[in-house]
């Protein structure tokens, strides 16, 4: 994912918001850095997964949705591995 129309600073801010939303939705604890990482990595993961299905996300809103969905996927995988 090349941050489609979203700059680096915006990617960090949107990633932080997406990670925070996902951590609230999934009842997962984490700090600011963890939320930013979850959102950015989640957006990359979701873009790869949905890209294989022919679905693409673009712009700020798309990056937020992809980050949220990807972060939820990452949190769910981490919970499954810990058990």
PDB file of N, CA and C in Angstrom:
ATOM      1  N   UNK A   1       0.851  -1.173   0.000  1.00  0.00           N
ATOM      2  CA  UNK A   1       0.000   0.000   0.000  1.00  0.00           C
ATOM      3  C   UNK A   1       0.888   1.224   0.000  1.00  0.00           C
ATOM      4  N   UNK A   2       0.671   2.111  -0.911  1.00  0.00           N
ATOM      5  CA  UNK A   2       1.485   3.298  -1.014  1.00  0.00           C
ATOM      6  C   UNK A   2       0.836   4.518  -0.410  1.00  0.00           C
ATOM      7  N   UNK A   3       0.043   4.388   0.638  1.00  0.00           N
ATOM      8  CA  UNK A   3      -0.651   5.506   1.271  1.00  0.00           C
ATOM      9  C   UNK A   3      -1.412   6.317   0.231  1.00  0.00           C
ATOM     10  N   UNK A   4      -2.219   5.659  -0.561  1.00  0.00           N
ATOM     11  CA  UNK A   4      -2.959   6.234  -1.684  1.00  0.00           C
ATOM     12  C   UNK A   4      -3.554   7.603  -1.377  1.00  0.00           C
ATOM     13  N   UNK A   5      -2.850   8.655  -1.739  1.00  0.00           N
ATOM     14  CA  UNK A   5      -3.329  10.008  -1.546  1.00  0.00           C
ATOM     15  C   UNK A   5      -3.223  10.513  -0.123  1.00  0.00           C
ATOM     16  N   UNK A   6      -2.576   9.744   0.746  1.00  0.00           N
ATOM     17  CA  UNK A   6      -2.439  10.109   2.146  1.00  0.00           C
ATOM     18  C   UNK A   6      -0.942  10.258   2.437  1.00  0.00           C
ATOM     19  N   UNK A   7      -0.531  11.415   2.945  1.00  0.00           N
ATOM     20  CA  UNK A   7       0.872  11.643   3.265  1.00  0.00           C
ATOM     21  C   UNK A   7       1.296  10.895   4.519  1.00  0.00           C
ATOM     22  N   UNK A   8       2.572  10.950   4.815  1.00  0.00           N
ATOM     23  CA  UNK A   8       3.122  10.218   5.963  1.00  0.00           C
ATOM     24  C   UNK A   8       2.520  10.695   7.287  1.00  0.00           C
ATOM     25  N   UNK A   9       2.438  11.990   7.480  1.00  0.00           N
ATOM     26  CA  UNK A   9       1.884  12.519   8.730  1.00  0.00           C
ATOM     27  C   UNK A   9       0.414  12.141   8.871  1.00  0.00           C
ATOM     28  N   UNK A  10      -0.331  12.273   7.784  1.00  0.00           N
ATOM     29  CA  UNK A  10      -1.740  11.892   7.811  1.00  0.00           C
ATOM     30  C   UNK A  10      -1.892  10.395   8.036  1.00  0.00           C
ATOM     31  N   UNK A  11      -0.993   9.591   7.466  1.00  0.00           N
ATOM     32  CA  UNK A  11      -1.047   8.145   7.672  1.00  0.00           C
ATOM     33  C   UNK A  11      -0.838   7.799   9.138  1.00  0.00           C
ATOM     34  N   UNK A  12       0.054   8.512   9.811  1.00  0.00           N
ATOM     35  CA  UNK A  12       0.290   8.270  11.237  1.00  0.00           C
ATOM     36  C   UNK A  12      -0.933   8.677  12.049  1.00  0.00           C
ATOM     37  N   UNK A  13      -1.506   9.838  11.740  1.00  0.00           N
ATOM     38  CA  UNK A  13      -2.688  10.303  12.472  1.00  0.00           C
ATOM     39  C   UNK A  13      -3.895   9.394  12.231  1.00  0.00           C
ATOM     40  N   UNK A  14      -4.138   9.062  10.990  1.00  0.00           N
ATOM     41  CA  UNK A  14      -5.269   8.187  10.659  1.00  0.00           C
ATOM     42  C   UNK A  14      -5.023   6.789  11.209  1.00  0.00           C
ATOM     43  N   UNK A  15      -3.777   6.319  11.135  1.00  0.00           N
ATOM     44  CA  UNK A  15      -3.433   5.011  11.690  1.00  0.00           C
ATOM     45  C   UNK A  15      -3.659   4.971  13.190  1.00  0.00           C
ATOM     46  N   UNK A  16      -3.301   6.055  13.870  1.00  0.00           N
ATOM     47  CA  UNK A  16      -3.537   6.125  15.310  1.00  0.00           C
ATOM     48  C   UNK A  16      -5.014   6.079  15.641  1.00  0.00           C
ATOM     49  N   UNK A  17      -5.812   6.812  14.878  1.00  0.00           N
ATOM     50  CA  UNK A  17      -7.256   6.813  15.080  1.00  0.00           C
ATOM     51  C   UNK A  17      -7.848   5.431  14.793  1.00  0.00           C
ATOM     52  N   UNK A  18      -7.413   4.813  13.705  1.00  0.00           N
ATOM     53  CA  UNK A  18      -7.920   3.481  13.358  1.00  0.00           C
ATOM     54  C   UNK A  18      -7.522   2.456  14.415  1.00  0.00           C
ATOM     55  N   UNK A  19      -6.280   2.525  14.886  1.00  0.00           N
ATOM     56  CA  UNK A  19      -5.825   1.606  15.933  1.00  0.00           C
ATOM     57  C   UNK A  19      -6.577   1.818  17.234  1.00  0.00           C
ATOM     58  N   UNK A  20      -6.834   3.081  17.576  1.00  0.00           N
ATOM     59  CA  UNK A  20      -7.586   3.380  18.797  1.00  0.00           C
ATOM     60  C   UNK A  20      -9.014   2.850  18.697  1.00  0.00           C
ATOM     61  N   UNK A  21      -9.663   3.081  17.542  1.00  0.00           N
ATOM     62  CA  UNK A  21     -11.020   2.580  17.347  1.00  0.00           C
ATOM     63  C   UNK A  21     -11.061   1.057  17.433  1.00  0.00           C
ATOM     64  N   UNK A  22     -10.083   0.400  16.820  1.00  0.00           N
ATOM     65  CA  UNK A  22     -10.044  -1.064  16.852  1.00  0.00           C
ATOM     66  C   UNK A  22      -9.788  -1.579  18.264  1.00  0.00           C
ATOM     67  N   UNK A  23      -8.898  -0.918  19.010  1.00  0.00           N
ATOM     68  CA  UNK A  23      -8.619  -1.379  20.371  1.00  0.00           C
ATOM     69  C   UNK A  23      -9.840  -1.184  21.264  1.00  0.00           C
ATOM     70  N   UNK A  24     -10.628  -0.136  21.038  1.00  0.00           N
ATOM     71  CA  UNK A  24     -11.871   0.072  21.789  1.00  0.00           C
ATOM     72  C   UNK A  24     -12.920  -0.965  21.387  1.00  0.00           C
ATOM     73  N   UNK A  25     -13.025  -1.215  20.090  1.00  0.00           N
ATOM     74  CA  UNK A  25     -14.008  -2.158  19.578  1.00  0.00           C
ATOM     75  C   UNK A  25     -13.714  -3.586  20.048  1.00  0.00           C
ATOM     76  N   UNK A  26     -12.437  -3.942  20.092  1.00  0.00           N
ATOM     77  CA  UNK A  26     -12.030  -5.298  20.467  1.00  0.00           C
ATOM     78  C   UNK A  26     -11.681  -5.419  21.950  1.00  0.00           C
ATOM     79  N   UNK A  27     -11.888  -4.373  22.735  1.00  0.00           N
ATOM     80  CA  UNK A  27     -11.550  -4.348  24.167  1.00  0.00           C
ATOM     81  C   UNK A  27     -10.110  -4.772  24.416  1.00  0.00           C
ATOM     82  N   UNK A  28      -9.209  -4.148  23.708  1.00  0.00           N
ATOM     83  CA  UNK A  28      -7.790  -4.444  23.821  1.00  0.00           C
ATOM     84  C   UNK A  28      -7.078  -3.219  24.386  1.00  0.00           C
ATOM     85  N   UNK A  29      -6.179  -3.443  25.311  1.00  0.00           N
ATOM     86  CA  UNK A  29      -5.422  -2.331  25.872  1.00  0.00           C
ATOM     87  C   UNK A  29      -4.207  -2.023  25.009  1.00  0.00           C
ATOM     88  N   UNK A  30      -3.725  -0.831  25.111  1.00  0.00           N
ATOM     89  CA  UNK A  30      -2.541  -0.457  24.345  1.00  0.00           C
ATOM     90  C   UNK A  30      -2.326   1.037  24.432  1.00  0.00           C
ATOM     91  N   UNK A  31      -1.098   1.433  24.247  1.00  0.00           N
ATOM     92  CA  UNK A  31      -0.774   2.841  24.297  1.00  0.00           C
ATOM     93  C   UNK A  31      -0.899   3.505  22.945  1.00  0.00           C
ATOM     94  N   UNK A  32      -0.482   4.742  22.898  1.00  0.00           N
ATOM     95  CA  UNK A  32      -0.573   5.531  21.671  1.00  0.00           C
ATOM     96  C   UNK A  32       0.276   4.912  20.561  1.00  0.00           C
ATOM     97  N   UNK A  33       1.502   4.538  20.877  1.00  0.00           N
ATOM     98  CA  UNK A  33       2.388   3.950  19.863  1.00  0.00           C
ATOM     99  C   UNK A  33       1.808   2.647  19.332  1.00  0.00           C
ATOM    100  N   UNK A  34       1.269   1.823  20.215  1.00  0.00           N
ATOM    101  CA  UNK A  34       0.668   0.558  19.787  1.00  0.00           C
ATOM    102  C   UNK A  34      -0.531   0.816  18.880  1.00  0.00           C
ATOM    103  N   UNK A  35      -1.340   1.818  19.197  1.00  0.00           N
ATOM    104  CA  UNK A  35      -2.495   2.148  18.358  1.00  0.00           C
ATOM    105  C   UNK A  35      -2.059   2.609  16.976  1.00  0.00           C
ATOM    106  N   UNK A  36      -1.029   3.439  16.908  1.00  0.00           N
ATOM    107  CA  UNK A  36      -0.531   3.917  15.615  1.00  0.00           C
ATOM    108  C   UNK A  36      -0.003   2.743  14.800  1.00  0.00           C
ATOM    109  N   UNK A  37       0.790   1.880  15.431  1.00  0.00           N
ATOM    110  CA  UNK A  37       1.334   0.720  14.718  1.00  0.00           C
ATOM    111  C   UNK A  37       0.223  -0.218  14.260  1.00  0.00           C
ATOM    112  N   UNK A  38      -0.749  -0.472  15.134  1.00  0.00           N
ATOM    113  CA  UNK A  38      -1.875  -1.330  14.757  1.00  0.00           C
ATOM    114  C   UNK A  38      -2.627  -0.755  13.566  1.00  0.00           C
ATOM    115  N   UNK A  39      -2.868   0.536  13.572  1.00  0.00           N
ATOM    116  CA  UNK A  39      -3.601   1.171  12.475  1.00  0.00           C
ATOM    117  C   UNK A  39      -2.855   1.129  11.162  1.00  0.00           C
ATOM    118  N   UNK A  40      -1.563   1.441  11.180  1.00  0.00           N
ATOM    119  CA  UNK A  40      -0.774   1.462   9.938  1.00  0.00           C
ATOM    120  C   UNK A  40      -0.567   0.059   9.410  1.00  0.00           C
ATOM    121  N   UNK A  41      -0.123  -0.844  10.277  1.00  0.00           N
ATOM    122  CA  UNK A  41       0.093  -2.225   9.841  1.00  0.00           C
ATOM    123  C   UNK A  41      -1.247  -2.859   9.464  1.00  0.00           C
ATOM    124  N   UNK A  42      -2.288  -2.527  10.214  1.00  0.00           N
ATOM    125  CA  UNK A  42      -3.613  -3.040   9.885  1.00  0.00           C
ATOM    126  C   UNK A  42      -4.087  -2.586   8.520  1.00  0.00           C
ATOM    127  N   UNK A  43      -3.811  -1.340   8.169  1.00  0.00           N
ATOM    128  CA  UNK A  43      -4.196  -0.836   6.846  1.00  0.00           C
ATOM    129  C   UNK A  43      -3.451  -1.580   5.750  1.00  0.00           C
ATOM    130  N   UNK A  44      -2.196  -1.872   5.995  1.00  0.00           N
ATOM    131  CA  UNK A  44      -1.404  -2.613   5.006  1.00  0.00           C
ATOM    132  C   UNK A  44      -1.945  -4.031   4.864  1.00  0.00           C
ATOM    133  N   UNK A  45      -2.201  -4.691   5.999  1.00  0.00           N
ATOM    134  CA  UNK A  45      -2.724  -6.056   5.976  1.00  0.00           C
ATOM    135  C   UNK A  45      -4.086  -6.107   5.290  1.00  0.00           C
ATOM    136  N   UNK A  46      -4.981  -5.200   5.665  1.00  0.00           N
ATOM    137  CA  UNK A  46      -6.320  -5.187   5.061  1.00  0.00           C
ATOM    138  C   UNK A  46      -6.245  -4.886   3.572  1.00  0.00           C
ATOM    139  N   UNK A  47      -5.366  -3.984   3.171  1.00  0.00           N
ATOM    140  CA  UNK A  47      -5.237  -3.666   1.750  1.00  0.00           C
ATOM    141  C   UNK A  47      -4.743  -4.872   0.957  1.00  0.00           C
ATOM    142  N   UNK A  48      -3.826  -5.638   1.539  1.00  0.00           N
ATOM    143  CA  UNK A  48      -3.340  -6.842   0.856  1.00  0.00           C
ATOM    144  C   UNK A  48      -4.436  -7.897   0.758  1.00  0.00           C
ATOM    145  N   UNK A  49      -5.132  -8.121   1.865  1.00  0.00           N
ATOM    146  CA  UNK A  49      -6.187  -9.139   1.866  1.00  0.00           C
ATOM    147  C   UNK A  49      -7.319  -8.757   0.915  1.00  0.00           C
ATOM    148  N   UNK A  50      -7.807  -7.530   1.031  1.00  0.00           N
ATOM    149  CA  UNK A  50      -8.907  -7.100   0.178  1.00  0.00           C
ATOM    150  C   UNK A  50      -8.459  -6.895  -1.266  1.00  0.00           C
ATOM    151  N   UNK A  51      -7.178  -6.588  -1.472  1.00  0.00           N
ATOM    152  CA  UNK A  51      -6.645  -6.481  -2.829  1.00  0.00           C
ATOM    153  C   UNK A  51      -6.719  -7.808  -3.566  1.00  0.00           C
ATOM    154  N   UNK A  52      -6.503  -8.901  -2.831  1.00  0.00           N
ATOM    155  CA  UNK A  52      -6.626 -10.226  -3.435  1.00  0.00           C
ATOM    156  C   UNK A  52      -8.067 -10.527  -3.847  1.00  0.00           C
ATOM    157  N   UNK A  53      -9.002  -9.903  -3.157  1.00  0.00           N
ATOM    158  CA  UNK A  53     -10.421 -10.088  -3.475  1.00  0.00           C
ATOM    159  C   UNK A  53     -10.931  -9.068  -4.487  1.00  0.00           C
ATOM    160  N   UNK A  54     -10.060  -8.163  -4.920  1.00  0.00           N
ATOM    161  CA  UNK A  54     -10.441  -7.153  -5.902  1.00  0.00           C
ATOM    162  C   UNK A  54     -11.075  -5.915  -5.311  1.00  0.00           C
ATOM    163  N   UNK A  55     -10.962  -5.746  -3.986  1.00  0.00           N
ATOM    164  CA  UNK A  55     -11.525  -4.584  -3.308  1.00  0.00           C
ATOM    165  C   UNK A  55     -10.380  -3.644  -2.963  1.00  0.00           C
ATOM    166  N   UNK A  56     -10.517  -2.364  -3.288  1.00  0.00           N
ATOM    167  CA  UNK A  56      -9.447  -1.415  -2.972  1.00  0.00           C
ATOM    168  C   UNK A  56      -9.993  -0.257  -2.151  1.00  0.00           C
ATOM    169  N   UNK A  57      -9.136   0.266  -1.294  1.00  0.00           N
ATOM    170  CA  UNK A  57      -9.470   1.414  -0.457  1.00  0.00           C
ATOM    171  C   UNK A  57      -8.624   2.588  -0.912  1.00  0.00           C
ATOM    172  N   UNK A  58      -9.208   3.769  -0.990  1.00  0.00           N
ATOM    173  CA  UNK A  58      -8.454   4.937  -1.393  1.00  0.00           C
ATOM    174  C   UNK A  58      -8.820   6.144  -0.553  1.00  0.00           C
ATOM    175  N   UNK A  59      -7.880   7.046  -0.411  1.00  0.00           N
ATOM    176  CA  UNK A  59      -8.134   8.278   0.317  1.00  0.00           C
ATOM    177  C   UNK A  59      -8.127   8.102   1.819  1.00  0.00           C
ATOM    178  N   UNK A  60      -8.487   9.164   2.502  1.00  0.00           N
ATOM    179  CA  UNK A  60      -8.437   9.194   3.966  1.00  0.00           C
ATOM    180  C   UNK A  60      -9.437   8.240   4.589  1.00  0.00           C
ATOM    181  N   UNK A  61     -10.672   8.265   4.120  1.00  0.00           N
ATOM    182  CA  UNK A  61     -11.706   7.413   4.682  1.00  0.00           C
ATOM    183  C   UNK A  61     -11.398   5.938   4.414  1.00  0.00           C
ATOM    184  N   UNK A  62     -10.952   5.648   3.227  1.00  0.00           N
ATOM    185  CA  UNK A  62     -10.580   4.271   2.889  1.00  0.00           C
ATOM    186  C   UNK A  62      -9.434   3.774   3.736  1.00  0.00           C
ATOM    187  N   UNK A  63      -8.451   4.649   3.976  1.00  0.00           N
ATOM    188  CA  UNK A  63      -7.313   4.283   4.815  1.00  0.00           C
ATOM    189  C   UNK A  63      -7.771   4.034   6.256  1.00  0.00           C
ATOM    190  N   UNK A  64      -8.714   4.831   6.747  1.00  0.00           N
ATOM    191  CA  UNK A  64      -9.255   4.649   8.090  1.00  0.00           C
ATOM    192  C   UNK A  64     -10.007   3.324   8.201  1.00  0.00           C
ATOM    193  N   UNK A  65     -10.828   3.017   7.221  1.00  0.00           N
ATOM    194  CA  UNK A  65     -11.583   1.762   7.225  1.00  0.00           C
ATOM    195  C   UNK A  65     -10.636   0.572   7.133  1.00  0.00           C
ATOM    196  N   UNK A  66      -9.658   0.647   6.222  1.00  0.00           N
ATOM    197  CA  UNK A  66      -8.696  -0.439   6.072  1.00  0.00           C
ATOM    198  C   UNK A  66      -7.878  -0.613   7.350  1.00  0.00           C
ATOM    199  N   UNK A  67      -7.463   0.493   7.964  1.00  0.00           N
ATOM    200  CA  UNK A  67      -6.698   0.420   9.207  1.00  0.00           C
ATOM    201  C   UNK A  67      -7.507  -0.199  10.332  1.00  0.00           C
ATOM    202  N   UNK A  68      -8.772   0.176  10.439  1.00  0.00           N
ATOM    203  CA  UNK A  68      -9.644  -0.381  11.468  1.00  0.00           C
ATOM    204  C   UNK A  68      -9.838  -1.882  11.268  1.00  0.00           C
ATOM    205  N   UNK A  69     -10.195  -2.278  10.052  1.00  0.00           N
ATOM    206  CA  UNK A  69     -10.427  -3.698   9.780  1.00  0.00           C
ATOM    207  C   UNK A  69      -9.150  -4.517   9.971  1.00  0.00           C
ATOM    208  N   UNK A  70      -8.046  -4.004   9.467  1.00  0.00           N
ATOM    209  CA  UNK A  70      -6.774  -4.720   9.610  1.00  0.00           C
ATOM    210  C   UNK A  70      -6.332  -4.820  11.051  1.00  0.00           C
ATOM    211  N   UNK A  71      -6.510  -3.756  11.820  1.00  0.00           N
ATOM    212  CA  UNK A  71      -6.135  -3.782  13.235  1.00  0.00           C
ATOM    213  C   UNK A  71      -7.001  -4.783  13.998  1.00  0.00           C
ATOM    214  N   UNK A  72      -8.276  -4.865  13.666  1.00  0.00           N
ATOM    215  CA  UNK A  72      -9.146  -5.860  14.302  1.00  0.00           C
ATOM    216  C   UNK A  72      -8.678  -7.272  13.965  1.00  0.00           C
ATOM    217  N   UNK A  73      -8.267  -7.493  12.726  1.00  0.00           N
ATOM    218  CA  UNK A  73      -7.745  -8.797  12.321  1.00  0.00           C
ATOM    219  C   UNK A  73      -6.481  -9.134  13.095  1.00  0.00           C
ATOM    220  N   UNK A  74      -5.577  -8.165  13.228  1.00  0.00           N
ATOM    221  CA  UNK A  74      -4.323  -8.389  13.948  1.00  0.00           C
ATOM    222  C   UNK A  74      -4.588  -8.681  15.424  1.00  0.00           C
ATOM    223  N   UNK A  75      -5.502  -7.937  16.039  1.00  0.00           N
ATOM    224  CA  UNK A  75      -5.833  -8.175  17.450  1.00  0.00           C
ATOM    225  C   UNK A  75      -6.420  -9.574  17.626  1.00  0.00           C
ATOM    226  N   UNK A  76      -7.301  -9.982  16.720  1.00  0.00           N
ATOM    227  CA  UNK A  76      -7.909 -11.314  16.806  1.00  0.00           C
ATOM    228  C   UNK A  76      -6.860 -12.411  16.647  1.00  0.00           C
ATOM    229  N   UNK A  77      -5.920 -12.230  15.733  1.00  0.00           N
ATOM    230  CA  UNK A  77      -4.849 -13.218  15.543  1.00  0.00           C
ATOM    231  C   UNK A  77      -3.964 -13.280  16.781  1.00  0.00           C
ATOM    232  N   UNK A  78      -3.627 -12.121  17.348  1.00  0.00           N
ATOM    233  CA  UNK A  78      -2.780 -12.089  18.549  1.00  0.00           C
ATOM    234  C   UNK A  78      -3.470 -12.795  19.716  1.00  0.00           C
ATOM    235  N   UNK A  79      -4.765 -12.599  19.848  1.00  0.00           N
ATOM    236  CA  UNK A  79      -5.509 -13.284  20.919  1.00  0.00           C
ATOM    237  C   UNK A  79      -5.514 -14.789  20.705  1.00  0.00           C
ATOM    238  N   UNK A  80      -5.668 -15.226  19.453  1.00  0.00           N
ATOM    239  CA  UNK A  80      -5.691 -16.658  19.162  1.00  0.00           C
ATOM    240  C   UNK A  80      -4.335 -17.299  19.423  1.00  0.00           C
ATOM    241  N   UNK A  81      -3.263 -16.581  19.136  1.00  0.00           N
ATOM    242  CA  UNK A  81      -1.920 -17.118  19.345  1.00  0.00           C
ATOM    243  C   UNK A  81      -1.591 -17.205  20.827  1.00  0.00           C
ATOM    244  N   UNK A  82      -2.034 -16.229  21.599  1.00  0.00           N
ATOM    245  CA  UNK A  82      -1.763 -16.215  23.039  1.00  0.00           C
ATOM    246  C   UNK A  82      -2.466 -17.337  23.774  1.00  0.00           C
ATOM    247  N   UNK A  83      -3.571 -17.822  23.266  1.00  0.00           N
ATOM    248  CA  UNK A  83      -4.321 -18.881  23.948  1.00  0.00           C
ATOM    249  C   UNK A  83      -3.782 -20.189  23.613  1.00  0.00           C
TER     250      UNK A  83
END
